[in-house]
């Protein structure tokens, strides 16, 4: 019995030693510390910023009417050809449910001609053209437009070429002559009776006529704040990359995407 006991224990010892050796080998192959279980870092994919309308051309067709408000008053009393005219849009222009020309856009033009009313005949008139459109974000385009109607509260009229004509002065002239005639007749009647009535009337009429000849007719005027409708005479092409459309339907300045961190 004493000779067989070592033979039974020997295989068990060999098995245990083998298991210990395998565990030590696996432990030697794995790194120690908290970084051992972390996955390898993955480089983030770059984010591509997309801007609406970045590759399209927007065409506002000829004949489009644009409501504007005059920012500087115009009067034939002092206006001359070449003077600048400034306006702002009062109503948005839209396409496919998007605002392409927002309220508050600026328009610039100039007077092509200006004529004061005559002393005997002729009315005051001036004509303007609009040549520049500036959106609120500073985007500027050339424009070819002319006003078609104006509401100034006065009696000015406007033709299809954008010429504003002041009211006539015939009624005022006739009233001036009649008033001076009546005044002269009254003074003559008081001074010389019936004979003086005729003389006074003649003198008064002459004075009234002289006043008319020395006085110009009514000036053609558009005061600041007058509302006008202008009409585009040619297609207006806008660069879509200069306009960013939002869900609110307003054109906003485009902001560049943030710089990527290395």
Protein backbone atom coordinates (compact mmCIF):
# COMPACT_ATOMS: atom_id res chain seq x y z
CA UNK A 1 0.00 0.00 0.00
CA UNK A 2 2.76 2.44 0.82
CA UNK A 3 4.41 1.86 -2.55
CA UNK A 4 1.22 2.57 -4.69
CA UNK A 5 0.27 5.96 -3.05
CA UNK A 6 2.91 8.11 -4.82
CA UNK A 7 1.85 6.76 -8.23
CA UNK A 8 -1.80 7.93 -7.69
CA UNK A 9 -0.81 11.46 -6.59
CA UNK A 10 1.69 12.06 -9.36
CA UNK A 11 -0.84 12.52 -12.27
CA UNK A 12 -2.90 14.99 -10.21
CA UNK A 13 0.12 17.10 -9.47
CA UNK A 14 0.98 17.21 -13.16
CA UNK A 15 -2.54 18.40 -14.07
CA UNK A 16 -2.50 21.22 -11.50
CA UNK A 17 0.92 22.39 -12.61
CA UNK A 18 -0.22 22.51 -16.22
CA UNK A 19 -3.29 24.66 -15.38
CA UNK A 20 -1.14 27.10 -13.41
CA UNK A 21 1.27 27.44 -16.31
CA UNK A 22 -1.54 28.23 -18.79
CA UNK A 23 -3.02 30.92 -16.50
CA UNK A 24 0.34 32.62 -16.14
CA UNK A 25 0.82 32.63 -19.92
CA UNK A 26 -2.60 34.30 -20.54
CA UNK A 27 -1.97 36.91 -17.87
CA UNK A 28 1.34 37.81 -19.47
CA UNK A 29 -0.29 38.44 -22.87
CA UNK A 30 -2.95 41.00 -21.61
CA UNK A 31 -1.94 44.59 -20.58
CA UNK A 32 -2.70 45.73 -17.09
CA UNK A 33 -4.56 48.90 -16.03
CA UNK A 34 -7.87 50.60 -17.00
CA UNK A 35 -6.82 51.15 -20.65
CA UNK A 36 -6.82 47.46 -21.29
CA UNK A 37 -10.62 47.34 -21.72
CA UNK A 38 -11.01 50.63 -23.75
CA UNK A 39 -11.81 50.20 -27.49
CA UNK A 40 -9.43 51.75 -30.01
CA UNK A 41 -10.28 55.44 -30.85
CA UNK A 42 -12.25 56.09 -34.06
CA UNK A 43 -11.67 59.34 -35.99
CA UNK A 44 -14.94 61.34 -36.34
CA UNK A 45 -16.29 61.89 -39.82
CA UNK A 46 -16.21 65.54 -41.00
CA UNK A 47 -19.59 67.30 -40.97
CA UNK A 48 -20.52 68.85 -44.30
CA UNK A 49 -22.50 72.09 -43.86
CA UNK A 50 -25.37 72.47 -46.33
CA UNK A 51 -26.82 75.84 -47.24
CA UNK A 52 -30.15 76.13 -48.95
CA UNK A 53 -30.05 77.60 -52.41
CA UNK A 54 -26.26 77.41 -52.66
CA UNK A 55 -26.30 76.19 -56.25
CA UNK A 56 -29.37 77.87 -57.75
CA UNK A 57 -30.08 81.07 -59.63
CA UNK A 58 -33.22 82.90 -58.62
CA UNK A 59 -34.96 84.86 -61.36
CA UNK A 60 -37.50 87.53 -60.51
CA UNK A 61 -39.36 87.99 -63.81
CA UNK A 62 -39.82 91.26 -65.64
CA UNK A 63 -43.12 92.92 -64.84
CA UNK A 64 -42.92 92.16 -61.12
CA UNK A 65 -44.33 95.03 -59.07
CA UNK A 66 -42.48 96.04 -55.90
CA UNK A 67 -43.96 98.30 -53.23
CA UNK A 68 -41.49 100.88 -51.93
CA UNK A 69 -41.38 103.94 -49.66
CA UNK A 70 -39.49 107.10 -50.61
CA UNK A 71 -36.75 107.97 -48.11
CA UNK A 72 -35.86 111.46 -49.37
CA UNK A 73 -38.33 114.07 -50.57
CA UNK A 74 -38.23 115.34 -54.17
CA UNK A 75 -39.36 118.77 -55.36
CA UNK A 76 -38.80 120.55 -58.66
CA UNK A 77 -38.06 123.65 -56.60
CA UNK A 78 -34.55 122.33 -55.90
CA UNK A 79 -34.18 118.98 -57.68
CA UNK A 80 -31.83 118.63 -60.64
CA UNK A 81 -30.79 115.78 -62.97
CA UNK A 82 -28.34 113.39 -61.34
CA UNK A 83 -29.73 113.77 -57.82
CA UNK A 84 -29.93 110.45 -55.95
CA UNK A 85 -33.22 108.86 -54.97
CA UNK A 86 -33.45 106.39 -52.07
CA UNK A 87 -36.27 103.96 -51.34
CA UNK A 88 -37.01 100.88 -49.22
CA UNK A 89 -39.25 97.91 -49.96
CA UNK A 90 -42.46 97.79 -47.94
CA UNK A 91 -43.69 94.33 -49.01
CA UNK A 92 -41.73 91.07 -49.56
CA UNK A 93 -41.30 89.38 -52.94
CA UNK A 94 -41.66 85.60 -52.77
CA UNK A 95 -41.05 82.57 -54.96
CA UNK A 96 -42.10 78.99 -54.18
CA UNK A 97 -43.14 80.02 -50.67
CA UNK A 98 -39.76 81.64 -49.96
CA UNK A 99 -38.92 85.31 -49.55
CA UNK A 100 -36.32 86.35 -52.15
CA UNK A 101 -36.52 90.15 -51.65
CA UNK A 102 -37.36 90.86 -47.99
CA UNK A 103 -38.98 93.94 -46.51
CA UNK A 104 -36.41 96.63 -45.79
CA UNK A 105 -34.30 96.02 -48.89
CA UNK A 106 -32.79 99.23 -50.28
CA UNK A 107 -33.17 100.71 -53.75
CA UNK A 108 -31.17 103.51 -55.24
CA UNK A 109 -31.84 105.55 -58.36
CA UNK A 110 -31.39 109.01 -59.76
CA UNK A 111 -33.33 111.81 -61.39
CA UNK A 112 -32.99 111.85 -65.16
CA UNK A 113 -34.67 115.22 -65.62
CA UNK A 114 -36.31 117.94 -63.55
CA UNK A 115 -38.23 120.99 -64.81
CA UNK A 116 -39.85 123.73 -62.81
CA UNK A 117 -43.33 124.98 -63.77
CA UNK A 118 -43.53 128.01 -66.05
CA UNK A 119 -44.89 131.43 -65.16
CA UNK A 120 -47.50 131.40 -67.90
CA UNK A 121 -47.80 127.76 -68.92
CA UNK A 122 -46.07 124.46 -68.31
CA UNK A 123 -46.20 122.21 -65.27
CA UNK A 124 -43.42 121.08 -62.98
CA UNK A 125 -42.18 117.57 -63.72
CA UNK A 126 -39.34 115.16 -63.02
CA UNK A 127 -38.44 111.62 -64.06
CA UNK A 128 -36.51 108.97 -62.15
CA UNK A 129 -34.95 105.56 -62.75
CA UNK A 130 -33.90 102.91 -60.23
CA UNK A 131 -30.64 101.06 -60.88
CA UNK A 132 -29.47 99.32 -57.67
CA UNK A 133 -30.99 96.80 -55.23
CA UNK A 134 -29.31 96.07 -51.87
CA UNK A 135 -30.62 93.26 -49.67
CA UNK A 136 -30.40 93.63 -45.86
CA UNK A 137 -27.35 91.32 -45.77
CA UNK A 138 -25.46 93.67 -48.13
CA UNK A 139 -25.85 91.62 -51.32
CA UNK A 140 -26.03 94.17 -54.18
CA UNK A 141 -27.36 93.66 -57.71
CA UNK A 142 -28.01 95.91 -60.68
CA UNK A 143 -31.61 96.87 -61.25
CA UNK A 144 -33.59 98.31 -64.14
CA UNK A 145 -36.93 99.60 -62.90
CA UNK A 146 -39.18 102.64 -63.00
CA UNK A 147 -42.10 103.79 -60.83
CA UNK A 148 -45.58 103.32 -62.21
CA UNK A 149 -47.75 104.92 -59.54
CA UNK A 150 -47.31 107.13 -56.50
CA UNK A 151 -49.44 108.08 -53.54
CA UNK A 152 -48.22 111.36 -52.10
CA UNK A 153 -51.52 112.83 -50.98
CA UNK A 154 -51.23 115.55 -53.64
CA UNK A 155 -52.41 115.98 -57.22
CA UNK A 156 -49.25 114.74 -58.94
CA UNK A 157 -49.64 112.24 -61.76
CA UNK A 158 -47.19 109.65 -63.13
CA UNK A 159 -46.85 108.24 -66.64
CA UNK A 160 -45.58 104.75 -67.64
CA UNK A 161 -42.02 106.06 -68.00
CA UNK A 162 -41.82 107.19 -64.40
CA UNK A 163 -42.31 110.91 -65.05
CA UNK A 164 -44.05 112.78 -62.23
CA UNK A 165 -46.09 115.85 -63.27
CA UNK A 166 -47.35 118.45 -60.84
CA UNK A 167 -50.83 119.97 -60.81
CA UNK A 168 -51.73 122.83 -63.14
CA UNK A 169 -52.09 126.42 -61.94
CA UNK A 170 -54.85 127.76 -64.24
CA UNK A 171 -57.49 127.76 -61.57
CA UNK A 172 -55.18 129.50 -59.15
CA UNK A 173 -54.22 132.10 -61.79
CA UNK A 174 -57.84 132.86 -62.59
CA UNK A 175 -58.61 133.25 -58.91
CA UNK A 176 -55.70 135.65 -58.47
CA UNK A 177 -56.88 137.87 -61.34
CA UNK A 178 -60.49 137.82 -60.13
CA UNK A 179 -59.47 138.69 -56.60
CA UNK A 180 -57.30 141.64 -57.61
CA UNK A 181 -59.96 142.87 -60.05
CA UNK A 182 -62.62 142.87 -57.36
CA UNK A 183 -60.31 144.61 -54.91
CA UNK A 184 -59.40 147.31 -57.45
CA UNK A 185 -63.03 147.87 -58.38
CA UNK A 186 -64.00 148.32 -54.76
CA UNK A 187 -61.24 150.84 -54.15
CA UNK A 188 -62.16 152.80 -57.35
CA UNK A 189 -65.83 152.92 -56.43
CA UNK A 190 -65.06 154.32 -53.02
CA UNK A 191 -62.76 156.97 -54.44
CA UNK A 192 -64.59 158.10 -57.62
CA UNK A 193 -68.03 156.52 -57.64
CA UNK A 194 -69.30 154.67 -60.71
CA UNK A 195 -66.56 156.01 -62.93
CA UNK A 196 -63.94 154.91 -60.47
CA UNK A 197 -65.50 151.45 -60.40
CA UNK A 198 -64.43 150.75 -63.96
CA UNK A 199 -61.04 152.31 -63.54
CA UNK A 200 -60.41 150.38 -60.34
CA UNK A 201 -61.50 147.13 -61.94
CA UNK A 202 -59.09 147.67 -64.82
CA UNK A 203 -56.24 148.49 -62.50
CA UNK A 204 -57.01 145.46 -60.35
CA UNK A 205 -57.12 143.16 -63.37
CA UNK A 206 -53.78 144.49 -64.56
CA UNK A 207 -52.28 143.95 -61.12
CA UNK A 208 -53.62 140.41 -61.01
CA UNK A 209 -52.21 139.62 -64.44
CA UNK A 210 -48.83 140.98 -63.40
CA UNK A 211 -48.87 138.80 -60.30
CA UNK A 212 -49.63 135.76 -62.43
CA UNK A 213 -46.82 136.53 -64.84
CA UNK A 214 -44.33 136.88 -62.00
CA UNK A 215 -45.41 133.72 -60.17
CA UNK A 216 -44.63 130.13 -61.16
CA UNK A 217 -47.21 127.39 -61.10
CA UNK A 218 -47.32 124.64 -58.45
CA UNK A 219 -44.12 122.62 -58.06
CA UNK A 220 -44.11 118.86 -58.70
CA UNK A 221 -43.33 117.19 -55.37
CA UNK A 222 -43.10 113.77 -53.75
CA UNK A 223 -42.56 114.19 -50.00
CA UNK A 224 -40.60 111.73 -47.90
CA UNK A 225 -42.75 108.75 -46.96
CA UNK A 226 -44.64 108.67 -50.27
CA UNK A 227 -45.52 105.15 -51.36
CA UNK A 228 -44.72 104.03 -54.90
CA UNK A 229 -45.07 100.92 -57.02
CA UNK A 230 -42.09 100.14 -59.21
CA UNK A 231 -42.02 97.62 -62.04
CA UNK A 232 -39.03 95.53 -63.12
CA UNK A 233 -38.42 96.10 -66.81
CA UNK A 234 -36.01 93.15 -67.15
CA UNK A 235 -35.57 89.82 -65.38
CA UNK A 236 -33.70 90.22 -62.11
CA UNK A 237 -31.20 87.39 -61.51
CA UNK A 238 -30.18 86.71 -57.90
CA UNK A 239 -27.35 84.46 -56.70
CA UNK A 240 -28.82 81.77 -54.46
CA UNK A 241 -25.56 81.47 -52.53
CA UNK A 242 -26.14 84.99 -51.24
CA UNK A 243 -29.53 84.14 -49.75
CA UNK A 244 -30.18 81.68 -46.94
CA UNK A 245 -33.76 80.50 -46.68
CA UNK A 246 -35.22 79.61 -43.29
CA UNK A 247 -38.50 78.07 -42.23
CA UNK A 248 -39.66 81.56 -41.32
CA UNK A 249 -39.47 82.56 -44.97
CA UNK A 250 -36.99 85.38 -44.42
CA UNK A 251 -33.68 85.98 -46.11
CA UNK A 252 -30.82 86.02 -43.62
CA UNK A 253 -27.07 86.56 -43.99
CA UNK A 254 -25.13 83.37 -44.61
CA UNK A 255 -22.72 82.36 -41.83
CA UNK A 256 -19.78 80.08 -42.69
CA UNK A 257 -19.56 76.66 -40.95
CA UNK A 258 -17.33 76.50 -37.84
CA UNK A 259 -13.72 75.52 -38.40
CA UNK A 260 -12.97 71.86 -37.66
CA UNK A 261 -10.63 71.14 -34.79
CA UNK A 262 -7.55 69.08 -35.76
